[in-house]
Full PDB file with SEQRES, HELIX, SHEET, SSBOND, CRYST1, ORIGX, SCALE, CONECT and MASTER records, all heavy atoms in Angstrom:
SEQRES   1 A   34  VAL ALA SER VAL ALA ILE THR THR ILE ASN SER LEU ALA          
SEQRES   2 A   34  TRP TYR ARG GLN ALA PRO GLY LYS GLU ARG GLU LEU VAL          
SEQRES   3 A   34  ALA THR ILE THR SER GLY SER THR                              
HELIX    1 AA1 ILE A    6  THR A    8  5                                   3    
SHEET    1 AA1 2 SER A  11  ARG A  16  0                                        
SHEET    2 AA1 2 GLU A  24  THR A  30 -1                                        
CRYST1    1.000    1.000    1.000  90.00  90.00  90.00 P 1           1          
ORIGX1      1.000000  0.000000  0.000000        0.00000                         
ORIGX2      0.000000  1.000000  0.000000        0.00000                         
ORIGX3      0.000000  0.000000  1.000000        0.00000                         
SCALE1      1.000000  0.000000  0.000000        0.00000                         
SCALE2      0.000000  1.000000  0.000000        0.00000                         
SCALE3      0.000000  0.000000  1.000000        0.00000                         
ATOM      1  N   VAL A   1      84.006 -99.605 143.700  1.00  0.00           N  
ATOM      2  CA  VAL A   1      83.730 -98.610 142.663  1.00  0.00           C  
ATOM      3  C   VAL A   1      85.013 -98.327 141.897  1.00  0.00           C  
ATOM      4  O   VAL A   1      86.030 -97.965 142.498  1.00  0.00           O  
ATOM      5  CB  VAL A   1      83.168 -97.318 143.268  1.00  0.00           C  
ATOM      6  CG1 VAL A   1      82.880 -96.302 142.164  1.00  0.00           C  
ATOM      7  CG2 VAL A   1      81.896 -97.606 144.060  1.00  0.00           C  
ATOM      8  N   ALA A   2      84.949 -98.470 140.593  1.00  0.00           N  
ATOM      9  CA  ALA A   2      86.099 -98.240 139.733  1.00  0.00           C  
ATOM     10  C   ALA A   2      86.034 -96.849 139.111  1.00  0.00           C  
ATOM     11  O   ALA A   2      84.958 -96.293 138.904  1.00  0.00           O  
ATOM     12  CB  ALA A   2      86.172 -99.299 138.639  1.00  0.00           C  
ATOM     13  N   SER A   3      87.206 -96.301 138.793  1.00  0.00           N  
ATOM     14  CA  SER A   3      87.281 -94.974 138.195  1.00  0.00           C  
ATOM     15  C   SER A   3      87.080 -94.996 136.688  1.00  0.00           C  
ATOM     16  O   SER A   3      87.069 -93.939 136.052  1.00  0.00           O  
ATOM     17  CB  SER A   3      88.627 -94.318 138.524  1.00  0.00           C  
ATOM     18  OG  SER A   3      89.698 -95.081 138.005  1.00  0.00           O  
ATOM     19  N   VAL A   4      86.936 -96.175 136.110  1.00  0.00           N  
ATOM     20  CA  VAL A   4      86.658 -96.342 134.693  1.00  0.00           C  
ATOM     21  C   VAL A   4      85.502 -97.310 134.534  1.00  0.00           C  
ATOM     22  O   VAL A   4      85.131 -98.021 135.468  1.00  0.00           O  
ATOM     23  CB  VAL A   4      87.884 -96.862 133.916  1.00  0.00           C  
ATOM     24  CG1 VAL A   4      89.055 -95.899 134.052  1.00  0.00           C  
ATOM     25  CG2 VAL A   4      88.271 -98.249 134.393  1.00  0.00           C  
ATOM     26  N   ALA A   5      84.933 -97.353 133.350  1.00  0.00           N  
ATOM     27  CA  ALA A   5      83.854 -98.291 133.075  1.00  0.00           C  
ATOM     28  C   ALA A   5      84.361 -99.717 133.251  1.00  0.00           C  
ATOM     29  O   ALA A   5      85.392-100.092 132.697  1.00  0.00           O  
ATOM     30  CB  ALA A   5      83.318 -98.081 131.665  1.00  0.00           C  
ATOM     31  N   ILE A   6      83.620-100.507 134.013  1.00  0.00           N  
ATOM     32  CA  ILE A   6      84.084-101.867 134.272  1.00  0.00           C  
ATOM     33  C   ILE A   6      84.011-102.733 133.027  1.00  0.00           C  
ATOM     34  O   ILE A   6      84.640-103.790 132.975  1.00  0.00           O  
ATOM     35  CB  ILE A   6      83.317-102.519 135.444  1.00  0.00           C  
ATOM     36  CG1 ILE A   6      81.809-102.590 135.150  1.00  0.00           C  
ATOM     37  CG2 ILE A   6      83.591-101.765 136.733  1.00  0.00           C  
ATOM     38  CD1 ILE A   6      81.029-103.345 136.214  1.00  0.00           C  
ATOM     39  N   THR A   7      83.280-102.282 132.021  1.00  0.00           N  
ATOM     40  CA  THR A   7      83.237-103.021 130.763  1.00  0.00           C  
ATOM     41  C   THR A   7      84.564-102.953 130.022  1.00  0.00           C  
ATOM     42  O   THR A   7      84.809-103.753 129.121  1.00  0.00           O  
ATOM     43  CB  THR A   7      82.119-102.488 129.854  1.00  0.00           C  
ATOM     44  OG1 THR A   7      82.265-101.074 129.683  1.00  0.00           O  
ATOM     45  CG2 THR A   7      80.754-102.782 130.444  1.00  0.00           C  
ATOM     46  N   THR A   8      85.418-102.000 130.386  1.00  0.00           N  
ATOM     47  CA  THR A   8      86.733-101.879 129.771  1.00  0.00           C  
ATOM     48  C   THR A   8      87.783-102.718 130.491  1.00  0.00           C  
ATOM     49  O   THR A   8      88.926-102.789 130.036  1.00  0.00           O  
ATOM     50  CB  THR A   8      87.195-100.417 129.743  1.00  0.00           C  
ATOM     51  OG1 THR A   8      87.444 -99.955 131.073  1.00  0.00           O  
ATOM     52  CG2 THR A   8      86.134 -99.536 129.096  1.00  0.00           C  
ATOM     53  N   ILE A   9      87.406-103.331 131.599  1.00  0.00           N  
ATOM     54  CA  ILE A   9      88.323-104.132 132.407  1.00  0.00           C  
ATOM     55  C   ILE A   9      88.148-105.602 132.046  1.00  0.00           C  
ATOM     56  O   ILE A   9      87.034-106.112 132.040  1.00  0.00           O  
ATOM     57  CB  ILE A   9      88.066-103.907 133.905  1.00  0.00           C  
ATOM     58  CG1 ILE A   9      88.250-102.424 134.245  1.00  0.00           C  
ATOM     59  CG2 ILE A   9      88.997-104.770 134.750  1.00  0.00           C  
ATOM     60  CD1 ILE A   9      87.868-102.058 135.659  1.00  0.00           C  
ATOM     61  N   ASN A  10      89.242-106.268 131.763  1.00  0.00           N  
ATOM     62  CA  ASN A  10      89.160-107.666 131.341  1.00  0.00           C  
ATOM     63  C   ASN A  10      88.563-108.566 132.417  1.00  0.00           C  
ATOM     64  O   ASN A  10      87.738-109.433 132.127  1.00  0.00           O  
ATOM     65  CB  ASN A  10      90.535-108.172 130.929  1.00  0.00           C  
ATOM     66  CG  ASN A  10      91.075-107.482 129.702  1.00  0.00           C  
ATOM     67  OD1 ASN A  10      91.829-106.517 129.808  1.00  0.00           O  
ATOM     68  ND2 ASN A  10      90.665-107.964 128.533  1.00  0.00           N  
ATOM     69  N   SER A  11      88.980-108.359 133.663  1.00  0.00           N  
ATOM     70  CA  SER A  11      88.407-109.121 134.757  1.00  0.00           C  
ATOM     71  C   SER A  11      88.529-108.350 136.064  1.00  0.00           C  
ATOM     72  O   SER A  11      89.446-107.550 136.252  1.00  0.00           O  
ATOM     73  CB  SER A  11      89.071-110.495 134.890  1.00  0.00           C  
ATOM     74  OG  SER A  11      90.431-110.369 135.258  1.00  0.00           O  
ATOM     75  N   LEU A  12      87.588-108.606 136.948  1.00  0.00           N  
ATOM     76  CA  LEU A  12      87.585-108.046 138.290  1.00  0.00           C  
ATOM     77  C   LEU A  12      87.546-109.194 139.281  1.00  0.00           C  
ATOM     78  O   LEU A  12      86.980-110.247 138.998  1.00  0.00           O  
ATOM     79  CB  LEU A  12      86.384-107.131 138.493  1.00  0.00           C  
ATOM     80  CG  LEU A  12      86.429-105.811 137.724  1.00  0.00           C  
ATOM     81  CD1 LEU A  12      85.023-105.303 137.445  1.00  0.00           C  
ATOM     82  CD2 LEU A  12      87.223-104.778 138.510  1.00  0.00           C  
ATOM     83  N   ALA A  13      88.139-108.979 140.437  1.00  0.00           N  
ATOM     84  CA  ALA A  13      88.210-110.050 141.415  1.00  0.00           C  
ATOM     85  C   ALA A  13      88.166-109.509 142.828  1.00  0.00           C  
ATOM     86  O   ALA A  13      88.514-108.351 143.088  1.00  0.00           O  
ATOM     87  CB  ALA A  13      89.491-110.867 141.217  1.00  0.00           C  
ATOM     88  N   TRP A  14      87.719-110.357 143.727  1.00  0.00           N  
ATOM     89  CA  TRP A  14      87.829-110.110 145.156  1.00  0.00           C  
ATOM     90  C   TRP A  14      88.846-111.074 145.738  1.00  0.00           C  
ATOM     91  O   TRP A  14      88.773-112.287 145.500  1.00  0.00           O  
ATOM     92  CB  TRP A  14      86.482-110.293 145.861  1.00  0.00           C  
ATOM     93  CG  TRP A  14      85.512-109.187 145.614  1.00  0.00           C  
ATOM     94  CD1 TRP A  14      84.507-109.164 144.702  1.00  0.00           C  
ATOM     95  CD2 TRP A  14      85.461-107.934 146.303  1.00  0.00           C  
ATOM     96  NE1 TRP A  14      83.818-107.973 144.778  1.00  0.00           N  
ATOM     97  CE2 TRP A  14      84.385-107.197 145.753  1.00  0.00           C  
ATOM     98  CE3 TRP A  14      86.211-107.369 147.339  1.00  0.00           C  
ATOM     99  CZ2 TRP A  14      84.041-105.920 146.195  1.00  0.00           C  
ATOM    100  CZ3 TRP A  14      85.873-106.095 147.775  1.00  0.00           C  
ATOM    101  CH2 TRP A  14      84.801-105.387 147.210  1.00  0.00           C  
ATOM    102  N   TYR A  15      89.789-110.533 146.475  1.00  0.00           N  
ATOM    103  CA  TYR A  15      90.748-111.300 147.241  1.00  0.00           C  
ATOM    104  C   TYR A  15      90.516-111.022 148.718  1.00  0.00           C  
ATOM    105  O   TYR A  15      89.855-110.051 149.091  1.00  0.00           O  
ATOM    106  CB  TYR A  15      92.180-110.903 146.887  1.00  0.00           C  
ATOM    107  CG  TYR A  15      92.683-111.377 145.542  1.00  0.00           C  
ATOM    108  CD1 TYR A  15      92.271-110.770 144.363  1.00  0.00           C  
ATOM    109  CD2 TYR A  15      93.595-112.429 145.450  1.00  0.00           C  
ATOM    110  CE1 TYR A  15      92.741-111.191 143.136  1.00  0.00           C  
ATOM    111  CE2 TYR A  15      94.080-112.856 144.223  1.00  0.00           C  
ATOM    112  CZ  TYR A  15      93.646-112.231 143.071  1.00  0.00           C  
ATOM    113  OH  TYR A  15      94.129-112.646 141.852  1.00  0.00           O  
ATOM    114  N   ARG A  16      91.074-111.867 149.560  1.00  0.00           N  
ATOM    115  CA  ARG A  16      91.027-111.607 150.994  1.00  0.00           C  
ATOM    116  C   ARG A  16      92.316-112.076 151.639  1.00  0.00           C  
ATOM    117  O   ARG A  16      92.985-112.972 151.148  1.00  0.00           O  
ATOM    118  CB  ARG A  16      89.824-112.281 151.658  1.00  0.00           C  
ATOM    119  CG  ARG A  16      89.860-113.800 151.675  1.00  0.00           C  
ATOM    120  CD  ARG A  16      88.543-114.349 152.230  1.00  0.00           C  
ATOM    121  NE  ARG A  16      88.535-115.801 152.300  1.00  0.00           N  
ATOM    122  CZ  ARG A  16      87.466-116.523 152.609  1.00  0.00           C  
ATOM    123  NH1 ARG A  16      86.314-115.922 152.878  1.00  0.00           N  
ATOM    124  NH2 ARG A  16      87.555-117.852 152.657  1.00  0.00           N  
ATOM    125  N   GLN A  17      92.646-111.445 152.754  1.00  0.00           N  
ATOM    126  CA  GLN A  17      93.848-111.796 153.490  1.00  0.00           C  
ATOM    127  C   GLN A  17      93.565-111.733 154.982  1.00  0.00           C  
ATOM    128  O   GLN A  17      93.214-110.672 155.509  1.00  0.00           O  
ATOM    129  CB  GLN A  17      95.008-110.871 153.130  1.00  0.00           C  
ATOM    130  CG  GLN A  17      96.331-111.289 153.740  1.00  0.00           C  
ATOM    131  CD  GLN A  17      97.500-110.534 153.146  1.00  0.00           C  
ATOM    132  OE1 GLN A  17      97.349-109.433 152.631  1.00  0.00           O  
ATOM    133  NE2 GLN A  17      98.673-111.135 153.203  1.00  0.00           N  
ATOM    134  N   ALA A  18      93.700-112.866 155.642  1.00  0.00           N  
ATOM    135  CA  ALA A  18      93.547-112.947 157.087  1.00  0.00           C  
ATOM    136  C   ALA A  18      94.898-112.708 157.743  1.00  0.00           C  
ATOM    137  O   ALA A  18      95.949-112.913 157.123  1.00  0.00           O  
ATOM    138  CB  ALA A  18      92.997-114.312 157.483  1.00  0.00           C  
ATOM    139  N   PRO A  19      94.914-112.280 159.006  1.00  0.00           N  
ATOM    140  CA  PRO A  19      96.184-112.025 159.687  1.00  0.00           C  
ATOM    141  C   PRO A  19      97.096-113.249 159.676  1.00  0.00           C  
ATOM    142  O   PRO A  19      96.671-114.355 160.000  1.00  0.00           O  
ATOM    143  CB  PRO A  19      95.751-111.678 161.115  1.00  0.00           C  
ATOM    144  CG  PRO A  19      94.376-111.128 160.957  1.00  0.00           C  
ATOM    145  CD  PRO A  19      93.760-111.933 159.850  1.00  0.00           C  
ATOM    146  N   GLY A  20      98.341-113.045 159.281  1.00  0.00           N  
ATOM    147  CA  GLY A  20      99.315-114.118 159.260  1.00  0.00           C  
ATOM    148  C   GLY A  20      99.178-115.094 158.115  1.00  0.00           C  
ATOM    149  O   GLY A  20      99.905-116.093 158.079  1.00  0.00           O  
ATOM    150  N   LYS A  21      98.278-114.828 157.178  1.00  0.00           N  
ATOM    151  CA  LYS A  21      98.067-115.735 156.066  1.00  0.00           C  
ATOM    152  C   LYS A  21      98.274-115.022 154.736  1.00  0.00           C  
ATOM    153  O   LYS A  21      98.274-113.795 154.659  1.00  0.00           O  
ATOM    154  CB  LYS A  21      96.662-116.342 156.117  1.00  0.00           C  
ATOM    155  CG  LYS A  21      96.412-117.220 157.331  1.00  0.00           C  
ATOM    156  CD  LYS A  21      95.053-117.892 157.266  1.00  0.00           C  
ATOM    157  CE  LYS A  21      94.842-118.813 158.453  1.00  0.00           C  
ATOM    158  NZ  LYS A  21      93.527-119.493 158.392  1.00  0.00           N  
ATOM    159  N   GLU A  22      98.457-115.816 153.694  1.00  0.00           N  
ATOM    160  CA  GLU A  22      98.642-115.273 152.357  1.00  0.00           C  
ATOM    161  C   GLU A  22      97.319-114.775 151.793  1.00  0.00           C  
ATOM    162  O   GLU A  22      96.249-115.258 152.146  1.00  0.00           O  
ATOM    163  CB  GLU A  22      99.234-116.335 151.430  1.00  0.00           C  
ATOM    164  CG  GLU A  22     100.625-116.821 151.821  1.00  0.00           C  
ATOM    165  CD  GLU A  22     101.660-115.732 151.685  1.00  0.00           C  
ATOM    166  OE1 GLU A  22     101.607-114.975 150.690  1.00  0.00           O  
ATOM    167  OE2 GLU A  22     102.523-115.627 152.569  1.00  0.00           O  
ATOM    168  N   ARG A  23      97.415-113.807 150.904  1.00  0.00           N  
ATOM    169  CA  ARG A  23      96.232-113.314 150.218  1.00  0.00           C  
ATOM    170  C   ARG A  23      95.694-114.410 149.293  1.00  0.00           C  
ATOM    171  O   ARG A  23      96.456-115.038 148.558  1.00  0.00           O  
ATOM    172  CB  ARG A  23      96.570-112.055 149.426  1.00  0.00           C  
ATOM    173  CG  ARG A  23      95.381-111.365 148.796  1.00  0.00           C  
ATOM    174  CD  ARG A  23      95.779-110.035 148.174  1.00  0.00           C  
ATOM    175  NE  ARG A  23      96.288-109.106 149.177  1.00  0.00           N  
ATOM    176  CZ  ARG A  23      96.628-107.847 148.918  1.00  0.00           C  
ATOM    177  NH1 ARG A  23      96.516-107.365 147.686  1.00  0.00           N  
ATOM    178  NH2 ARG A  23      97.086-107.074 149.887  1.00  0.00           N  
ATOM    179  N   GLU A  24      94.386-114.622 149.324  1.00  0.00           N  
ATOM    180  CA  GLU A  24      93.782-115.666 148.518  1.00  0.00           C  
ATOM    181  C   GLU A  24      92.677-115.111 147.634  1.00  0.00           C  
ATOM    182  O   GLU A  24      91.979-114.162 147.995  1.00  0.00           O  
ATOM    183  CB  GLU A  24      93.225-116.795 149.399  1.00  0.00           C  
ATOM    184  CG  GLU A  24      92.069-116.392 150.299  1.00  0.00           C  
ATOM    185  CD  GLU A  24      91.438-117.568 151.019  1.00  0.00           C  
ATOM    186  OE1 GLU A  24      91.556-118.708 150.535  1.00  0.00           O  
ATOM    187  OE2 GLU A  24      90.813-117.339 152.088  1.00  0.00           O  
ATOM    188  N   LEU A  25      92.505-115.731 146.488  1.00  0.00           N  
ATOM    189  CA  LEU A  25      91.465-115.347 145.552  1.00  0.00           C  
ATOM    190  C   LEU A  25      90.123-115.894 146.013  1.00  0.00           C  
ATOM    191  O   LEU A  25      89.995-117.081 146.309  1.00  0.00           O  
ATOM    192  CB  LEU A  25      91.798-115.869 144.155  1.00  0.00           C  
ATOM    193  CG  LEU A  25      90.798-115.577 143.036  1.00  0.00           C  
ATOM    194  CD1 LEU A  25      90.669-114.080 142.809  1.00  0.00           C  
ATOM    195  CD2 LEU A  25      91.236-116.272 141.750  1.00  0.00           C  
ATOM    196  N   VAL A  26      89.113-115.026 146.055  1.00  0.00           N  
ATOM    197  CA  VAL A  26      87.783-115.410 146.506  1.00  0.00           C  
ATOM    198  C   VAL A  26      86.833-115.614 145.331  1.00  0.00           C  
ATOM    199  O   VAL A  26      86.131-116.623 145.257  1.00  0.00           O  
ATOM    200  CB  VAL A  26      87.202-114.356 147.467  1.00  0.00           C  
ATOM    201  CG1 VAL A  26      85.770-114.710 147.863  1.00  0.00           C  
ATOM    202  CG2 VAL A  26      88.081-114.230 148.701  1.00  0.00           C  
ATOM    203  N   ALA A  27      86.780-114.648 144.418  1.00  0.00           N  
ATOM    204  CA  ALA A  27      85.847-114.712 143.301  1.00  0.00           C  
ATOM    205  C   ALA A  27      86.328-113.819 142.172  1.00  0.00           C  
ATOM    206  O   ALA A  27      87.011-112.825 142.405  1.00  0.00           O  
ATOM    207  CB  ALA A  27      84.440-114.290 143.739  1.00  0.00           C  
ATOM    208  N   THR A  28      85.970-114.172 140.944  1.00  0.00           N  
ATOM    209  CA  THR A  28      86.309-113.372 139.774  1.00  0.00           C  
ATOM    210  C   THR A  28      85.089-113.215 138.878  1.00  0.00           C  
ATOM    211  O   THR A  28      84.180-114.045 138.880  1.00  0.00           O  
ATOM    212  CB  THR A  28      87.437-114.006 138.938  1.00  0.00           C  
ATOM    213  OG1 THR A  28      87.013-115.282 138.442  1.00  0.00           O  
ATOM    214  CG2 THR A  28      88.700-114.177 139.767  1.00  0.00           C  
ATOM    215  N   ILE A  29      85.103-112.142 138.101  1.00  0.00           N  
ATOM    216  CA  ILE A  29      84.087-111.923 137.086  1.00  0.00           C  
ATOM    217  C   ILE A  29      84.744-111.240 135.897  1.00  0.00           C  
ATOM    218  O   ILE A  29      85.548-110.325 136.062  1.00  0.00           O  
ATOM    219  CB  ILE A  29      82.896-111.095 137.633  1.00  0.00           C  
ATOM    220  CG1 ILE A  29      81.779-110.996 136.589  1.00  0.00           C  
ATOM    221  CG2 ILE A  29      83.352-109.719 138.092  1.00  0.00           C  
ATOM    222  CD1 ILE A  29      80.477-110.437 137.147  1.00  0.00           C  
ATOM    223  N   THR A  30      84.416-111.695 134.695  1.00  0.00           N  
ATOM    224  CA  THR A  30      84.943-111.088 133.481  1.00  0.00           C  
ATOM    225  C   THR A  30      83.959-110.064 132.947  1.00  0.00           C  
ATOM    226  O   THR A  30      82.819-109.974 133.398  1.00  0.00           O  
ATOM    227  CB  THR A  30      85.210-112.142 132.405  1.00  0.00           C  
ATOM    228  OG1 THR A  30      83.958-112.659 131.926  1.00  0.00           O  
ATOM    229  CG2 THR A  30      86.050-113.286 132.949  1.00  0.00           C  
ATOM    230  N   SER A  31      84.400-109.292 131.959  1.00  0.00           N  
ATOM    231  CA  SER A  31      83.515-108.311 131.335  1.00  0.00           C  
ATOM    232  C   SER A  31      82.336-108.980 130.644  1.00  0.00           C  
ATOM    233  O   SER A  31      81.331-108.334 130.382  1.00  0.00           O  
ATOM    234  CB  SER A  31      84.291-107.455 130.338  1.00  0.00           C  
ATOM    235  OG  SER A  31      84.882-108.254 129.328  1.00  0.00           O  
ATOM    236  N   GLY A  32      82.463-110.276 130.366  1.00  0.00           N  
ATOM    237  CA  GLY A  32      81.371-111.053 129.805  1.00  0.00           C  
ATOM    238  C   GLY A  32      80.509-111.724 130.855  1.00  0.00           C  
ATOM    239  O   GLY A  32      79.665-112.554 130.509  1.00  0.00           O  
ATOM    240  N   SER A  33      80.740-111.398 132.123  1.00  0.00           N  
ATOM    241  CA  SER A  33      79.945-111.868 133.264  1.00  0.00           C  
ATOM    242  C   SER A  33      80.180-113.330 133.616  1.00  0.00           C  
ATOM    243  O   SER A  33      79.355-113.936 134.311  1.00  0.00           O  
ATOM    244  CB  SER A  33      78.448-111.621 133.034  1.00  0.00           C  
ATOM    245  OG  SER A  33      78.183-110.236 132.902  1.00  0.00           O  
ATOM    246  N   THR A  34      81.275-113.908 133.168  1.00  0.00           N  
ATOM    247  CA  THR A  34      81.646-115.245 133.607  1.00  0.00           C  
ATOM    248  C   THR A  34      82.223-115.166 135.016  1.00  0.00           C  
ATOM    249  O   THR A  34      83.112-114.352 135.277  1.00  0.00           O  
ATOM    250  CB  THR A  34      82.673-115.872 132.661  1.00  0.00           C  
ATOM    251  OG1 THR A  34      82.106-115.976 131.351  1.00  0.00           O  
ATOM    252  CG2 THR A  34      83.078-117.253 133.138  1.00  0.00           C  
TER     253      THR A  34                                                      
MASTER        0    0    0    1    2    0    0    6  252    1    0    3          
END                                                                             
């Protein structure tokens, strides 16, 4: 949940980080739903 309208955000993403490993990009979505 964002504190602003997500339509004002250029892109949103989910990252994940397992113990002892680097944070990795999982998925992205743009304001245009790409």
